[in-house]
Amino acid sequence: MKILIVKLSAIGDVLQATACAYYLKQHYPKAEIHWAVQAPVIELLSILEPIKKTIPCHVKQWIKKPFGKMIRNELSRLRQENYDIVFDLQGNSKSALVTLLARGKKKVGFSWSQCPEKLNVFATNERYSVDLSKNMRQQYLELVARACHKEIKLPTIQQKSIQHVNARKKFLVAPFSKWKSKQLSQALLVELLNRLIQKIDCKLYFVYGTDQEKQEALQLVQHFDDRAVLLPSMSLNQLHGELKQMDGLIAMDSSLLHLADLANIRTFSFFGPSSAQKFRPLGDKHGHFQGSCPFKVLFNKRCPYLRTCKSAPCLHKPDETHLQETFLNWLSKEFLHESI
């Protein structure tokens, strides 16, 4: 049995959808699972145990250069296989093109009412509606499970080995996100991390993406003397490997949060103009804080002003008492008992 998953981008969305590959492998152990995806996630997906092959599909480049070498090479790889099932987890026009061109008997996607771009429904022959109130991981899984007539249940991923309880803990800190409105203020983050250091014998490892973030991260590191270091710039694969060596992650709503979930480590994350209910990792070991909007803006997945709200009070000026209580409760539940 050969199965193709079409989920091209973005990094965080692809990482959230990887649960489907584990789910399919558990239900169909002999199945060969392929994944159509764009860079830079290709390298990471290729090392995940359930995924046999990654197929690069840079659809934007196809459209720009329809007679170029890239489209010929990528279409050749895509069309050389005959799939029993193709799952389109993207639901837009770019993924529709990939799904349409893939050779497959059964092509599964979202219903007309739930496709982000309606053109997508013309590329599939089985369509399902899912519970949009659920976490995004559960929505992807529900689509796959309904098409396979299986129970909707999060797959089991091999657990990370437990470190010696008396060893100094290691926390990766990811203080940045693509949008400033999704970031906690530096002062609040420093305050929380100081509380962490006071409670637990640990070291902080800061990461960054851009040159500007690197400078800001250097300023953060200086607050903690020898208890913090700045890691060098790394690929997704390298970050995934680094996360496996950590005891926990402190992060904003970003792709690194979902990478940590894949690495099976404990996380605490901060949400403001995006919904923790939809995007947080699932499970008791994952804590989160959801900032509230003083302007009473309501949203389902993301705040409509996420890219334009300059003050971003949901995270820049949150209820500090509630923030600290939430963080310390997670810390106590997940780590402090190990010191007893």
C-alpha atoms as a PDB file:
ATOM      1  CA  MET A   1       0.000   0.000   0.000  1.00  0.00           C
ATOM      2  CA  LYS A   2       1.329   3.443  -0.953  1.00  0.00           C
ATOM      3  CA  ILE A   3       0.054   6.653   0.601  1.00  0.00           C
ATOM      4  CA  LEU A   4       0.852  10.252  -0.344  1.00  0.00           C
ATOM      5  CA  ILE A   5       0.350  13.154   2.059  1.00  0.00           C
ATOM      6  CA  VAL A   6       0.186  16.583   0.437  1.00  0.00           C
ATOM      7  CA  LYS A   7       1.010  19.303   2.952  1.00  0.00           C
ATOM      8  CA  LEU A   8       3.370  21.770   1.327  1.00  0.00           C
ATOM      9  CA  SER A   9       3.800  24.549   3.909  1.00  0.00           C
ATOM     10  CA  ALA A  10       4.239  26.399   6.253  1.00  0.00           C
ATOM     11  CA  ILE A  11       6.823  24.890   8.597  1.00  0.00           C
ATOM     12  CA  GLY A  12       4.619  24.891  11.706  1.00  0.00           C
ATOM     13  CA  ASP A  13       1.590  23.594   9.801  1.00  0.00           C
ATOM     14  CA  VAL A  14       3.596  20.749   8.285  1.00  0.00           C
ATOM     15  CA  LEU A  15       5.008  19.781  11.686  1.00  0.00           C
ATOM     16  CA  GLN A  16       1.517  19.692  13.194  1.00  0.00           C
ATOM     17  CA  ALA A  17       0.388  17.397  10.387  1.00  0.00           C
ATOM     18  CA  THR A  18       3.197  14.850  10.949  1.00  0.00           C
ATOM     19  CA  ALA A  19       0.971  13.106  13.500  1.00  0.00           C
ATOM     20  CA  CYS A  20      -0.950  11.782  10.484  1.00  0.00           C
ATOM     21  CA  ALA A  21       2.113   9.909   9.211  1.00  0.00           C
ATOM     22  CA  TYR A  22       2.577   8.198  12.592  1.00  0.00           C
ATOM     23  CA  TYR A  23      -1.143   7.461  12.746  1.00  0.00           C
ATOM     24  CA  LEU A  24      -1.166   5.852   9.294  1.00  0.00           C
ATOM     25  CA  LYS A  25       1.954   3.811  10.049  1.00  0.00           C
ATOM     26  CA  GLN A  26       0.406   2.443  13.243  1.00  0.00           C
ATOM     27  CA  HIS A  27      -2.752   1.377  11.419  1.00  0.00           C
ATOM     28  CA  TYR A  28      -0.979   0.214   8.240  1.00  0.00           C
ATOM     29  CA  PRO A  29       2.497  -0.984   9.323  1.00  0.00           C
ATOM     30  CA  LYS A  30       3.400  -2.199   5.828  1.00  0.00           C
ATOM     31  CA  ALA A  31       2.304   0.996   4.094  1.00  0.00           C
ATOM     32  CA  GLU A  32       4.851   3.141   2.270  1.00  0.00           C
ATOM     33  CA  ILE A  33       4.184   6.785   3.154  1.00  0.00           C
ATOM     34  CA  HIS A  34       5.400   9.613   0.927  1.00  0.00           C
ATOM     35  CA  TRP A  35       5.066  13.351   1.579  1.00  0.00           C
ATOM     36  CA  ALA A  36       4.823  16.180  -0.968  1.00  0.00           C
ATOM     37  CA  VAL A  37       6.342  19.303   0.576  1.00  0.00           C
ATOM     38  CA  GLN A  38       8.328  22.481  -0.022  1.00  0.00           C
ATOM     39  CA  ALA A  39      11.705  23.481   1.398  1.00  0.00           C
ATOM     40  CA  PRO A  40      12.920  23.917   4.120  1.00  0.00           C
ATOM     41  CA  VAL A  41      10.963  21.048   5.739  1.00  0.00           C
ATOM     42  CA  ILE A  42      12.071  18.416   3.219  1.00  0.00           C
ATOM     43  CA  GLU A  43      15.262  17.465   5.064  1.00  0.00           C
ATOM     44  CA  LEU A  44      13.506  17.097   8.412  1.00  0.00           C
ATOM     45  CA  LEU A  45      10.625  14.970   7.095  1.00  0.00           C
ATOM     46  CA  SER A  46      13.079  12.658   5.367  1.00  0.00           C
ATOM     47  CA  ILE A  47      14.515  11.493   8.722  1.00  0.00           C
ATOM     48  CA  LEU A  48      11.157  10.770  10.380  1.00  0.00           C
ATOM     49  CA  GLU A  49      10.609   7.042  10.798  1.00  0.00           C
ATOM     50  CA  PRO A  50       7.139   6.712   9.187  1.00  0.00           C
ATOM     51  CA  ILE A  51       8.027   8.667   6.030  1.00  0.00           C
ATOM     52  CA  LYS A  52       9.679   6.627   3.294  1.00  0.00           C
ATOM     53  CA  LYS A  53      10.118   9.392   0.741  1.00  0.00           C
ATOM     54  CA  THR A  54       9.760  13.161   0.470  1.00  0.00           C
ATOM     55  CA  ILE A  55       8.747  14.672  -2.857  1.00  0.00           C
ATOM     56  CA  PRO A  56       9.725  18.326  -3.406  1.00  0.00           C
ATOM     57  CA  CYS A  57       6.857  20.329  -4.920  1.00  0.00           C
ATOM     58  CA  HIS A  58       7.697  24.021  -5.256  1.00  0.00           C
ATOM     59  CA  VAL A  59       4.459  25.012  -6.931  1.00  0.00           C
ATOM     60  CA  LYS A  60       5.177  28.750  -6.968  1.00  0.00           C
ATOM     61  CA  GLN A  61       8.281  28.058  -9.044  1.00  0.00           C
ATOM     62  CA  TRP A  62       6.261  25.790 -11.337  1.00  0.00           C
ATOM     63  CA  ILE A  63       3.935  28.688 -12.089  1.00  0.00           C
ATOM     64  CA  LYS A  64       6.785  31.157 -12.616  1.00  0.00           C
ATOM     65  CA  LYS A  65       8.730  28.795 -14.897  1.00  0.00           C
ATOM     66  CA  PRO A  66       6.260  26.232 -16.296  1.00  0.00           C
ATOM     67  CA  PHE A  67       8.823  24.892 -18.774  1.00  0.00           C
ATOM     68  CA  GLY A  68      11.818  24.971 -16.445  1.00  0.00           C
ATOM     69  CA  LYS A  69      14.041  22.129 -15.273  1.00  0.00           C
ATOM     70  CA  MET A  70      12.641  22.213 -11.719  1.00  0.00           C
ATOM     71  CA  ILE A  71       9.060  21.456 -12.725  1.00  0.00           C
ATOM     72  CA  ARG A  72      10.173  18.640 -15.042  1.00  0.00           C
ATOM     73  CA  ASN A  73      12.250  17.001 -12.313  1.00  0.00           C
ATOM     74  CA  GLU A  74       9.662  17.404  -9.557  1.00  0.00           C
ATOM     75  CA  LEU A  75       6.729  16.266 -11.703  1.00  0.00           C
ATOM     76  CA  SER A  76       8.737  13.234 -12.776  1.00  0.00           C
ATOM     77  CA  ARG A  77       9.254  12.226  -9.127  1.00  0.00           C
ATOM     78  CA  LEU A  78       5.623  12.928  -8.260  1.00  0.00           C
ATOM     79  CA  ARG A  79       4.116  10.972 -11.139  1.00  0.00           C
ATOM     80  CA  GLN A  80       6.395   7.937 -11.070  1.00  0.00           C
ATOM     81  CA  GLU A  81       4.355   6.439  -8.211  1.00  0.00           C
ATOM     82  CA  ASN A  82       0.821   5.034  -8.168  1.00  0.00           C
ATOM     83  CA  TYR A  83      -0.839   5.718  -4.814  1.00  0.00           C
ATOM     84  CA  ASP A  84      -3.683   3.882  -3.144  1.00  0.00           C
ATOM     85  CA  ILE A  85      -4.626   7.033  -1.208  1.00  0.00           C
ATOM     86  CA  VAL A  86      -3.654  10.691  -1.579  1.00  0.00           C
ATOM     87  CA  PHE A  87      -4.442  12.964   1.388  1.00  0.00           C
ATOM     88  CA  ASP A  88      -4.582  16.700   0.648  1.00  0.00           C
ATOM     89  CA  LEU A  89      -4.188  18.291   4.086  1.00  0.00           C
ATOM     90  CA  GLN A  90      -3.566  21.782   2.702  1.00  0.00           C
ATOM     91  CA  GLY A  91      -6.855  22.545   1.003  1.00  0.00           C
ATOM     92  CA  ASN A  92      -5.676  25.351  -1.274  1.00  0.00           C
ATOM     93  CA  SER A  93      -5.072  25.800  -5.009  1.00  0.00           C
ATOM     94  CA  LYS A  94      -1.345  24.977  -4.849  1.00  0.00           C
ATOM     95  CA  SER A  95      -1.928  21.662  -3.089  1.00  0.00           C
ATOM     96  CA  ALA A  96      -4.838  21.009  -5.495  1.00  0.00           C
ATOM     97  CA  LEU A  97      -2.395  21.101  -8.408  1.00  0.00           C
ATOM     98  CA  VAL A  98      -0.127  18.554  -6.700  1.00  0.00           C
ATOM     99  CA  THR A  99      -3.072  16.324  -5.750  1.00  0.00           C
ATOM    100  CA  LEU A 100      -4.492  16.510  -9.257  1.00  0.00           C
ATOM    101  CA  LEU A 101      -1.173  15.576 -10.884  1.00  0.00           C
ATOM    102  CA  ALA A 102      -0.412  12.727  -8.467  1.00  0.00           C
ATOM    103  CA  ARG A 103      -1.451   9.262  -9.664  1.00  0.00           C
ATOM    104  CA  GLY A 104      -3.957   7.895  -7.169  1.00  0.00           C
ATOM    105  CA  LYS A 105      -7.207   5.962  -6.970  1.00  0.00           C
ATOM    106  CA  LYS A 106      -8.576   7.698  -3.886  1.00  0.00           C
ATOM    107  CA  LYS A 107      -7.926  11.402  -3.316  1.00  0.00           C
ATOM    108  CA  VAL A 108      -9.109  12.718   0.030  1.00  0.00           C
ATOM    109  CA  GLY A 109      -9.598  16.341   1.048  1.00  0.00           C
ATOM    110  CA  PHE A 110     -11.715  18.798   2.984  1.00  0.00           C
ATOM    111  CA  SER A 111     -15.344  19.496   2.133  1.00  0.00           C
ATOM    112  CA  TRP A 112     -16.451  22.467   0.027  1.00  0.00           C
ATOM    113  CA  SER A 113     -17.438  24.440   3.133  1.00  0.00           C
ATOM    114  CA  GLN A 114     -14.067  23.878   4.841  1.00  0.00           C
ATOM    115  CA  CYS A 115     -11.565  24.230   1.987  1.00  0.00           C
ATOM    116  CA  PRO A 116      -9.522  27.413   2.435  1.00  0.00           C
ATOM    117  CA  GLU A 117      -9.619  27.749  -1.372  1.00  0.00           C
ATOM    118  CA  LYS A 118     -12.641  26.247  -3.116  1.00  0.00           C
ATOM    119  CA  LEU A 119     -10.690  25.227  -6.225  1.00  0.00           C
ATOM    120  CA  ASN A 120      -9.192  22.434  -4.134  1.00  0.00           C
ATOM    121  CA  VAL A 121     -12.366  20.333  -4.155  1.00  0.00           C
ATOM    122  CA  PHE A 122     -11.963  19.647  -7.885  1.00  0.00           C
ATOM    123  CA  ALA A 123      -8.731  17.740  -7.174  1.00  0.00           C
ATOM    124  CA  THR A 124     -10.288  15.275  -4.711  1.00  0.00           C
ATOM    125  CA  ASN A 125     -12.928  12.543  -5.026  1.00  0.00           C
ATOM    126  CA  GLU A 126     -13.618  12.005  -1.303  1.00  0.00           C
ATOM    127  CA  ARG A 127     -14.305  15.001   0.924  1.00  0.00           C
ATOM    128  CA  TYR A 128     -14.995  15.264   4.622  1.00  0.00           C
ATOM    129  CA  SER A 129     -15.921  17.920   7.132  1.00  0.00           C
ATOM    130  CA  VAL A 130     -14.048  17.953  10.439  1.00  0.00           C
ATOM    131  CA  ASP A 131     -14.695  19.503  13.841  1.00  0.00           C
ATOM    132  CA  LEU A 132     -13.211  22.981  13.470  1.00  0.00           C
ATOM    133  CA  SER A 133     -13.362  23.597  17.228  1.00  0.00           C
ATOM    134  CA  LYS A 134     -10.566  21.045  17.752  1.00  0.00           C
ATOM    135  CA  ASN A 135      -6.810  21.512  17.763  1.00  0.00           C
ATOM    136  CA  MET A 136      -5.283  21.571  14.259  1.00  0.00           C
ATOM    137  CA  ARG A 137      -3.530  18.223  14.860  1.00  0.00           C
ATOM    138  CA  GLN A 138      -6.892  16.661  15.655  1.00  0.00           C
ATOM    139  CA  GLN A 139      -8.494  18.221  12.589  1.00  0.00           C
ATOM    140  CA  TYR A 140      -5.871  16.675  10.296  1.00  0.00           C
ATOM    141  CA  LEU A 141      -6.200  13.335  12.082  1.00  0.00           C
ATOM    142  CA  GLU A 142      -9.968  13.400  11.851  1.00  0.00           C
ATOM    143  CA  LEU A 143      -9.816  13.807   8.073  1.00  0.00           C
ATOM    144  CA  VAL A 144      -7.392  10.873   7.754  1.00  0.00           C
ATOM    145  CA  ALA A 145      -9.273   8.674  10.237  1.00  0.00           C
ATOM    146  CA  ARG A 146     -12.654   9.236   8.592  1.00  0.00           C
ATOM    147  CA  ALA A 147     -11.273   8.339   5.175  1.00  0.00           C
ATOM    148  CA  CYS A 148      -9.713   5.166   6.610  1.00  0.00           C
ATOM    149  CA  HIS A 149     -12.773   4.313   8.744  1.00  0.00           C
ATOM    150  CA  LYS A 150     -10.591   4.182  11.863  1.00  0.00           C
ATOM    151  CA  GLU A 151     -10.828   5.544  15.407  1.00  0.00           C
ATOM    152  CA  ILE A 152      -9.755   9.164  15.779  1.00  0.00           C
ATOM    153  CA  LYS A 153      -6.905   8.933  18.276  1.00  0.00           C
ATOM    154  CA  LEU A 154      -3.547  10.665  18.601  1.00  0.00           C
ATOM    155  CA  PRO A 155      -0.741   8.282  17.612  1.00  0.00           C
ATOM    156  CA  THR A 156       1.874   7.106  20.070  1.00  0.00           C
ATOM    157  CA  ILE A 157       5.376   8.367  19.336  1.00  0.00           C
ATOM    158  CA  GLN A 158       8.356   6.751  21.027  1.00  0.00           C
ATOM    159  CA  GLN A 159       9.060   8.566  24.267  1.00  0.00           C
ATOM    160  CA  LYS A 160      12.304  10.383  24.990  1.00  0.00           C
ATOM    161  CA  SER A 161      14.492   8.569  27.521  1.00  0.00           C
ATOM    162  CA  ILE A 162      14.314  10.074  31.027  1.00  0.00           C
ATOM    163  CA  GLN A 163      17.470  11.801  32.245  1.00  0.00           C
ATOM    164  CA  HIS A 164      18.895  11.440  35.765  1.00  0.00           C
ATOM    165  CA  VAL A 165      16.676  13.446  38.097  1.00  0.00           C
ATOM    166  CA  ASN A 166      19.612  15.118  39.870  1.00  0.00           C
ATOM    167  CA  ALA A 167      21.277  16.369  36.690  1.00  0.00           C
ATOM    168  CA  ARG A 168      21.166  20.067  35.808  1.00  0.00           C
ATOM    169  CA  LYS A 169      18.132  20.655  33.609  1.00  0.00           C
ATOM    170  CA  LYS A 170      18.476  22.100  30.129  1.00  0.00           C
ATOM    171  CA  PHE A 171      15.865  24.429  28.649  1.00  0.00           C
ATOM    172  CA  LEU A 172      15.801  25.686  25.096  1.00  0.00           C
ATOM    173  CA  VAL A 173      14.402  29.218  24.931  1.00  0.00           C
ATOM    174  CA  ALA A 174      12.818  30.462  21.693  1.00  0.00           C
ATOM    175  CA  PRO A 175      11.845  34.079  22.409  1.00  0.00           C
ATOM    176  CA  PHE A 176      10.916  35.029  18.860  1.00  0.00           C
ATOM    177  CA  SER A 177       8.147  34.578  16.327  1.00  0.00           C
ATOM    178  CA  LYS A 178       7.601  35.823  12.784  1.00  0.00           C
ATOM    179  CA  TRP A 179       5.216  38.479  14.100  1.00  0.00           C
ATOM    180  CA  LYS A 180       6.161  40.777  16.997  1.00  0.00           C
ATOM    181  CA  SER A 181       2.563  40.670  18.231  1.00  0.00           C
ATOM    182  CA  LYS A 182       3.095  36.971  19.083  1.00  0.00           C
ATOM    183  CA  GLN A 183       6.103  37.677  21.316  1.00  0.00           C
ATOM    184  CA  LEU A 184       6.213  38.236  25.052  1.00  0.00           C
ATOM    185  CA  SER A 185       8.050  41.414  26.042  1.00  0.00           C
ATOM    186  CA  GLN A 186      11.716  40.962  26.941  1.00  0.00           C
ATOM    187  CA  ALA A 187      11.160  42.262  30.470  1.00  0.00           C
ATOM    188  CA  LEU A 188       8.409  39.744  31.198  1.00  0.00           C
ATOM    189  CA  LEU A 189      10.365  36.876  29.663  1.00  0.00           C
ATOM    190  CA  VAL A 190      13.448  37.733  31.731  1.00  0.00           C
ATOM    191  CA  GLU A 191      11.310  37.857  34.871  1.00  0.00           C
ATOM    192  CA  LEU A 192       9.813  34.413  34.179  1.00  0.00           C
ATOM    193  CA  LEU A 193      13.174  32.866  33.340  1.00  0.00           C
ATOM    194  CA  ASN A 194      14.655  34.254  36.542  1.00  0.00           C
ATOM    195  CA  ARG A 195      11.869  32.517  38.444  1.00  0.00           C
ATOM    196  CA  LEU A 196      12.739  29.320  36.570  1.00  0.00           C
ATOM    197  CA  ILE A 197      16.414  29.588  37.559  1.00  0.00           C
ATOM    198  CA  GLN A 198      15.462  30.266  41.179  1.00  0.00           C
ATOM    199  CA  LYS A 199      13.282  27.166  41.315  1.00  0.00           C
ATOM    200  CA  ILE A 200      15.396  24.705  39.328  1.00  0.00           C
ATOM    201  CA  ASP A 201      19.093  24.081  38.818  1.00  0.00           C
ATOM    202  CA  CYS A 202      19.164  24.625  35.065  1.00  0.00           C
ATOM    203  CA  LYS A 203      20.876  26.192  32.083  1.00  0.00           C
ATOM    204  CA  LEU A 204      19.146  28.172  29.321  1.00  0.00           C
ATOM    205  CA  TYR A 205      19.973  27.757  25.637  1.00  0.00           C
ATOM    206  CA  PHE A 206      18.718  30.615  23.466  1.00  0.00           C
ATOM    207  CA  VAL A 207      18.019  30.293  19.744  1.00  0.00           C
ATOM    208  CA  TYR A 208      17.254  32.816  17.023  1.00  0.00           C
ATOM    209  CA  GLY A 209      16.408  33.059  13.325  1.00  0.00           C
ATOM    210  CA  THR A 210      17.415  36.421  11.851  1.00  0.00           C
ATOM    211  CA  ASP A 211      20.410  38.707  12.457  1.00  0.00           C
ATOM    212  CA  GLN A 212      18.182  41.145  14.330  1.00  0.00           C
ATOM    213  CA  GLU A 213      16.926  38.318  16.565  1.00  0.00           C
ATOM    214  CA  LYS A 214      20.515  37.315  17.222  1.00  0.00           C
ATOM    215  CA  GLN A 215      21.289  40.758  18.629  1.00  0.00           C
ATOM    216  CA  GLU A 216      18.177  40.677  20.819  1.00  0.00           C
ATOM    217  CA  ALA A 217      19.026  37.165  21.999  1.00  0.00           C
ATOM    218  CA  LEU A 218      22.532  38.303  22.985  1.00  0.00           C
ATOM    219  CA  GLN A 219      20.949  41.004  25.152  1.00  0.00           C
ATOM    220  CA  LEU A 220      18.718  38.401  26.797  1.00  0.00           C
ATOM    221  CA  VAL A 221      21.621  36.043  27.501  1.00  0.00           C
ATOM    222  CA  GLN A 222      23.461  38.794  29.381  1.00  0.00           C
ATOM    223  CA  HIS A 223      20.738  38.820  32.041  1.00  0.00           C
ATOM    224  CA  PHE A 224      21.660  35.325  33.209  1.00  0.00           C
ATOM    225  CA  ASP A 225      25.482  35.335  33.382  1.00  0.00           C
ATOM    226  CA  ASP A 226      26.848  31.787  33.142  1.00  0.00           C
ATOM    227  CA  ARG A 227      23.373  30.232  33.360  1.00  0.00           C
ATOM    228  CA  ALA A 228      22.602  30.994  29.686  1.00  0.00           C
ATOM    229  CA  VAL A 229      24.275  30.592  26.304  1.00  0.00           C
ATOM    230  CA  LEU A 230      23.402  31.529  22.735  1.00  0.00           C
ATOM    231  CA  LEU A 231      23.385  28.592  20.342  1.00  0.00           C
ATOM    232  CA  PRO A 232      24.642  29.060  16.766  1.00  0.00           C
ATOM    233  CA  SER A 233      22.270  29.292  13.826  1.00  0.00           C
ATOM    234  CA  MET A 234      20.988  25.799  12.967  1.00  0.00           C
ATOM    235  CA  SER A 235      18.915  23.973  10.369  1.00  0.00           C
ATOM    236  CA  LEU A 236      15.599  22.351  11.301  1.00  0.00           C
ATOM    237  CA  ASN A 237      17.321  18.965  11.496  1.00  0.00           C
ATOM    238  CA  GLN A 238      19.977  20.319  13.823  1.00  0.00           C
ATOM    239  CA  LEU A 239      17.355  22.019  15.994  1.00  0.00           C
ATOM    240  CA  HIS A 240      15.389  18.787  16.166  1.00  0.00           C
ATOM    241  CA  GLY A 241      18.506  16.973  17.355  1.00  0.00           C
ATOM    242  CA  GLU A 242      19.263  19.715  19.886  1.00  0.00           C
ATOM    243  CA  LEU A 243      15.720  19.584  21.262  1.00  0.00           C
ATOM    244  CA  LYS A 244      16.053  15.866  21.949  1.00  0.00           C
ATOM    245  CA  GLN A 245      18.851  16.714  24.393  1.00  0.00           C
ATOM    246  CA  MET A 246      16.699  19.213  26.292  1.00  0.00           C
ATOM    247  CA  ASP A 247      14.391  18.762  29.248  1.00  0.00           C
ATOM    248  CA  GLY A 248      12.004  21.474  28.136  1.00  0.00           C
ATOM    249  CA  LEU A 249      11.248  24.317  25.742  1.00  0.00           C
ATOM    250  CA  ILE A 250      10.060  27.838  26.572  1.00  0.00           C
ATOM    251  CA  ALA A 251       8.677  29.370  23.379  1.00  0.00           C
ATOM    252  CA  MET A 252       6.284  31.684  21.634  1.00  0.00           C
ATOM    253  CA  ASP A 253       3.700  30.351  19.167  1.00  0.00           C
ATOM    254  CA  SER A 254       6.174  29.402  16.438  1.00  0.00           C
ATOM    255  CA  SER A 255       7.351  26.450  14.357  1.00  0.00           C
ATOM    256  CA  LEU A 256       9.921  25.573  17.037  1.00  0.00           C
ATOM    257  CA  LEU A 257       7.089  24.792  19.436  1.00  0.00           C
ATOM    258  CA  HIS A 258       5.777  22.120  17.061  1.00  0.00           C
ATOM    259  CA  LEU A 259       9.307  20.830  16.465  1.00  0.00           C
ATOM    260  CA  ALA A 260       9.653  20.321  20.232  1.00  0.00           C
ATOM    261  CA  ASP A 261       6.376  18.415  20.261  1.00  0.00           C
ATOM    262  CA  LEU A 262       7.826  16.145  17.581  1.00  0.00           C
ATOM    263  CA  ALA A 263      10.944  15.688  19.731  1.00  0.00           C
ATOM    264  CA  ASN A 264       8.715  14.609  22.642  1.00  0.00           C
ATOM    265  CA  ILE A 265       9.897  17.118  25.220  1.00  0.00           C
ATOM    266  CA  ARG A 266       7.906  19.238  27.648  1.00  0.00           C
ATOM    267  CA  THR A 267       6.973  22.745  26.556  1.00  0.00           C
ATOM    268  CA  PHE A 268       5.529  25.973  27.842  1.00  0.00           C
ATOM    269  CA  SER A 269       4.248  28.405  25.234  1.00  0.00           C
ATOM    270  CA  PHE A 270       2.740  31.873  25.059  1.00  0.00           C
ATOM    271  CA  PHE A 271      -0.297  32.697  22.932  1.00  0.00           C
ATOM    272  CA  GLY A 272      -1.909  36.070  22.321  1.00  0.00           C
ATOM    273  CA  PRO A 273      -3.245  36.847  18.838  1.00  0.00           C
ATOM    274  CA  SER A 274      -3.444  33.134  18.014  1.00  0.00           C
ATOM    275  CA  SER A 275      -5.499  30.436  19.703  1.00  0.00           C
ATOM    276  CA  ALA A 276      -3.803  28.002  22.081  1.00  0.00           C
ATOM    277  CA  GLN A 277      -6.827  25.740  21.705  1.00  0.00           C
ATOM    278  CA  LYS A 278      -6.058  25.389  17.997  1.00  0.00           C
ATOM    279  CA  PHE A 279      -2.259  25.457  17.901  1.00  0.00           C
ATOM    280  CA  ARG A 280      -0.745  24.322  21.200  1.00  0.00           C
ATOM    281  CA  PRO A 281       0.831  20.869  21.446  1.00  0.00           C
ATOM    282  CA  LEU A 282      -1.528  18.334  22.994  1.00  0.00           C
ATOM    283  CA  GLY A 283      -0.845  16.431  26.206  1.00  0.00           C
ATOM    284  CA  ASP A 284      -0.463  17.059  29.936  1.00  0.00           C
ATOM    285  CA  LYS A 285       3.261  17.802  29.714  1.00  0.00           C
ATOM    286  CA  HIS A 286       2.608  20.897  27.586  1.00  0.00           C
ATOM    287  CA  GLY A 287       1.708  24.105  29.404  1.00  0.00           C
ATOM    288  CA  HIS A 288       0.585  27.383  27.883  1.00  0.00           C
ATOM    289  CA  PHE A 289      -0.592  30.904  28.631  1.00  0.00           C
ATOM    290  CA  GLN A 290      -3.336  32.571  26.605  1.00  0.00           C
ATOM    291  CA  GLY A 291      -3.303  36.356  26.763  1.00  0.00           C
ATOM    292  CA  SER A 292      -6.637  38.173  26.569  1.00  0.00           C
ATOM    293  CA  CYS A 293      -7.525  41.129  24.355  1.00  0.00           C
ATOM    294  CA  PRO A 294      -8.582  44.305  26.222  1.00  0.00           C
ATOM    295  CA  PHE A 295     -10.353  45.415  23.044  1.00  0.00           C
ATOM    296  CA  LYS A 296     -12.612  42.325  23.242  1.00  0.00           C
ATOM    297  CA  VAL A 297     -11.662  41.145  19.742  1.00  0.00           C
ATOM    298  CA  LEU A 298     -12.915  37.586  19.259  1.00  0.00           C
ATOM    299  CA  PHE A 299     -11.374  35.092  16.836  1.00  0.00           C
ATOM    300  CA  ASN A 300     -11.403  31.386  16.070  1.00  0.00           C
ATOM    301  CA  LYS A 301      -7.795  30.683  15.032  1.00  0.00           C
ATOM    302  CA  ARG A 302      -5.923  33.981  14.640  1.00  0.00           C
ATOM    303  CA  CYS A 303      -6.734  37.562  15.515  1.00  0.00           C
ATOM    304  CA  PRO A 304      -7.656  39.551  12.380  1.00  0.00           C
ATOM    305  CA  TYR A 305      -5.271  42.279  13.613  1.00  0.00           C
ATOM    306  CA  LEU A 306      -2.320  39.930  14.214  1.00  0.00           C
ATOM    307  CA  ARG A 307      -0.166  41.642  11.558  1.00  0.00           C
ATOM    308  CA  THR A 308      -1.292  45.216  12.206  1.00  0.00           C
ATOM    309  CA  CYS A 309      -1.862  45.595  15.960  1.00  0.00           C
ATOM    310  CA  LYS A 310       1.135  47.651  17.106  1.00  0.00           C
ATOM    311  CA  SER A 311       0.436  47.611  20.842  1.00  0.00           C
ATOM    312  CA  ALA A 312      -0.388  43.857  21.002  1.00  0.00           C
ATOM    313  CA  PRO A 313      -1.495  44.138  24.666  1.00  0.00           C
ATOM    314  CA  CYS A 314      -2.555  40.468  24.799  1.00  0.00           C
ATOM    315  CA  LEU A 315       1.125  39.521  25.198  1.00  0.00           C
ATOM    316  CA  HIS A 316       2.964  42.820  25.621  1.00  0.00           C
ATOM    317  CA  LYS A 317       0.809  43.825  28.617  1.00  0.00           C
ATOM    318  CA  PRO A 318      -0.831  40.642  29.924  1.00  0.00           C
ATOM    319  CA  ASP A 319      -2.198  39.939  33.382  1.00  0.00           C
ATOM    320  CA  GLU A 320       1.201  39.372  35.011  1.00  0.00           C
ATOM    321  CA  THR A 321      -0.169  37.626  38.085  1.00  0.00           C
ATOM    322  CA  HIS A 322      -2.063  35.109  35.962  1.00  0.00           C
ATOM    323  CA  LEU A 323       0.954  34.685  33.682  1.00  0.00           C
ATOM    324  CA  GLN A 324       3.306  33.876  36.569  1.00  0.00           C
ATOM    325  CA  GLU A 325       0.810  31.570  38.272  1.00  0.00           C
ATOM    326  CA  THR A 326       0.245  29.614  35.052  1.00  0.00           C
ATOM    327  CA  PHE A 327       3.966  29.268  34.372  1.00  0.00           C
ATOM    328  CA  LEU A 328       4.879  28.286  37.931  1.00  0.00           C
ATOM    329  CA  ASN A 329       2.053  25.744  38.125  1.00  0.00           C
ATOM    330  CA  TRP A 330       3.408  24.031  34.986  1.00  0.00           C
ATOM    331  CA  LEU A 331       6.923  24.183  36.374  1.00  0.00           C
ATOM    332  CA  SER A 332       5.851  22.647  39.667  1.00  0.00           C
ATOM    333  CA  LYS A 333       3.850  19.868  38.016  1.00  0.00           C
ATOM    334  CA  GLU A 334       6.486  18.905  35.455  1.00  0.00           C
ATOM    335  CA  PHE A 335       9.815  19.495  37.203  1.00  0.00           C
ATOM    336  CA  LEU A 336       9.788  20.364  40.895  1.00  0.00           C
ATOM    337  CA  HIS A 337       8.626  16.895  42.008  1.00  0.00           C
ATOM    338  CA  GLU A 338      11.804  15.475  40.447  1.00  0.00           C
ATOM    339  CA  SER A 339      13.888  17.296  43.062  1.00  0.00           C
ATOM    340  CA  ILE A 340      12.048  15.757  46.015  1.00  0.00           C
END
